Amino acid sequence: MSIRERLGEIKGFFTTIGSEWVVISIVIVVGLGGFALGRLSGLQSGQAVAQTASVSEPLGIPERIDGGRLVASRNGTKYHFPWCAGAQQISEANKIWFESAEEARRAGYTPAGNCKGLE
């Protein structure tokens, strides 16, 4: 079978099922492929987000780290989960640990906006 005949068969197939279904199918396949590639790149870069059972009890993360569940800087106004980027920028000498968000609020701290899941 020649290439010209094969192309004729392919064209015939697409004209019988309708061009709108072809477009819809292509959009779905491209969307799913893009989603899969995004998930794969997140897993490869180590930035996959851990799923949590609840906001207060993340899976795979210790309940207590260095004596508390939340951390703030002596010089700052925000409190963070210990694994958040903002908390990792606080020097060990300036870290203050709290057992709860309520305790941190009583001390005058507010939740960090870039630390997802804080109350």
Protein backbone atom coordinates (compact mmCIF):
# COMPACT_ATOMS: atom_id res chain seq x y z
CA MET A 1 0.00 0.00 0.00
CA SER A 2 1.43 3.38 -0.96
CA ILE A 3 1.65 6.44 1.23
CA ARG A 4 -0.91 8.22 -0.92
CA GLU A 5 -3.41 5.40 -0.40
CA ARG A 6 -2.72 5.35 3.37
CA LEU A 7 -3.33 9.12 3.60
CA GLY A 8 -6.58 8.65 1.69
CA GLU A 9 -7.73 6.07 4.26
CA ILE A 10 -6.85 8.38 7.15
CA LYS A 11 -8.73 11.29 5.56
CA GLY A 12 -11.70 9.05 4.95
CA PHE A 13 -11.73 7.93 8.56
CA PHE A 14 -11.73 11.50 9.89
CA THR A 15 -14.44 12.67 7.53
CA THR A 16 -16.71 9.82 8.58
CA ILE A 17 -16.48 10.54 12.31
CA GLY A 18 -16.82 14.30 11.93
CA SER A 19 -14.23 16.99 12.37
CA GLU A 20 -15.69 18.28 15.66
CA TRP A 21 -15.00 14.95 17.36
CA VAL A 22 -11.44 15.01 16.10
CA VAL A 23 -10.90 18.46 17.59
CA ILE A 24 -12.51 17.45 20.89
CA SER A 25 -10.37 14.30 21.04
CA ILE A 26 -7.18 16.22 20.34
CA VAL A 27 -7.99 18.79 23.03
CA ILE A 28 -8.64 16.03 25.59
CA VAL A 29 -5.45 14.13 24.72
CA VAL A 30 -3.32 17.29 24.87
CA GLY A 31 -4.89 18.30 28.18
CA LEU A 32 -4.30 14.92 29.77
CA GLY A 33 -0.75 14.82 28.42
CA GLY A 34 0.00 18.27 29.83
CA PHE A 35 -1.42 17.31 33.21
CA ALA A 36 0.63 14.11 33.30
CA LEU A 37 3.83 15.92 32.33
CA GLY A 38 3.22 18.54 35.03
CA ARG A 39 2.76 15.89 37.69
CA LEU A 40 5.83 14.03 36.49
CA SER A 41 8.02 17.14 36.56
CA GLY A 42 6.83 17.95 40.10
CA LEU A 43 7.72 14.46 41.28
CA GLN A 44 11.14 14.58 39.63
CA SER A 45 12.04 17.95 41.13
CA GLY A 46 11.09 16.77 44.63
CA GLN A 47 8.40 19.40 45.04
CA ALA A 48 5.47 17.03 45.32
CA VAL A 49 3.07 18.16 48.02
CA ALA A 50 2.29 15.62 50.72
CA GLN A 51 -1.38 14.83 51.02
CA THR A 52 -2.78 15.54 54.45
CA ALA A 53 -5.48 13.87 56.53
CA SER A 54 -6.23 17.26 58.06
CA VAL A 55 -4.52 20.62 58.26
CA SER A 56 -3.29 20.03 61.80
CA GLU A 57 -1.94 16.51 61.22
CA PRO A 58 0.04 16.27 57.94
CA LEU A 59 1.06 12.80 56.89
CA GLY A 60 4.75 11.99 56.94
CA ILE A 61 5.69 15.05 58.98
CA PRO A 62 6.53 14.68 62.65
CA GLU A 63 3.97 16.03 65.07
CA ARG A 64 6.62 17.84 67.09
CA ILE A 65 9.82 19.33 65.79
CA ASP A 66 12.25 20.84 68.30
CA GLY A 67 9.60 21.20 70.98
CA GLY A 68 6.68 22.69 69.06
CA ARG A 69 4.37 22.55 66.08
CA LEU A 70 4.70 26.15 64.87
CA VAL A 71 7.71 28.43 64.64
CA ALA A 72 8.20 32.19 64.48
CA SER A 73 11.12 34.58 64.51
CA ARG A 74 11.86 36.72 67.56
CA ASN A 75 12.21 39.66 65.15
CA GLY A 76 9.16 38.86 62.98
CA THR A 77 5.39 39.00 63.17
CA LYS A 78 4.40 35.76 61.37
CA TYR A 79 4.29 32.14 62.48
CA HIS A 80 4.91 29.15 60.18
CA PHE A 81 4.81 25.39 60.03
CA PRO A 82 8.41 24.16 60.45
CA TRP A 83 8.54 22.85 56.86
CA CYS A 84 7.43 26.12 55.20
CA ALA A 85 9.95 28.19 53.27
CA GLY A 86 9.63 31.16 55.63
CA ALA A 87 10.42 29.02 58.67
CA GLN A 88 13.53 27.62 57.02
CA GLN A 89 14.91 31.15 56.60
CA ILE A 90 14.79 31.84 60.36
CA SER A 91 18.14 31.32 62.10
CA GLU A 92 18.13 28.78 64.90
CA ALA A 93 19.01 31.47 67.44
CA ASN A 94 15.89 33.48 66.54
CA LYS A 95 13.35 30.63 66.47
CA ILE A 96 10.46 30.64 68.92
CA TRP A 97 8.32 27.49 69.10
CA PHE A 98 4.59 27.30 69.81
CA GLU A 99 2.33 24.34 70.49
CA SER A 100 -0.70 25.82 68.73
CA ALA A 101 -1.86 28.66 66.53
CA GLU A 102 -3.78 30.08 69.49
CA GLU A 103 -0.58 30.24 71.56
CA ALA A 104 1.22 32.03 68.70
CA ARG A 105 -1.66 34.51 68.34
CA ARG A 106 -1.62 35.25 72.07
CA ALA A 107 2.08 36.10 71.70
CA GLY A 108 1.18 38.63 68.97
CA TYR A 109 2.02 36.62 65.84
CA THR A 110 -0.21 36.19 62.77
CA PRO A 111 -0.22 33.30 60.24
CA ALA A 112 2.23 33.52 57.34
CA GLY A 113 0.40 34.01 54.07
CA ASN A 114 2.76 31.78 52.06
CA CYS A 115 2.44 28.78 54.39
CA LYS A 116 -0.61 26.84 53.19
CA GLY A 117 -2.94 25.42 55.80
CA LEU A 118 -2.31 27.89 58.60
CA GLU A 119 -5.38 29.13 60.43
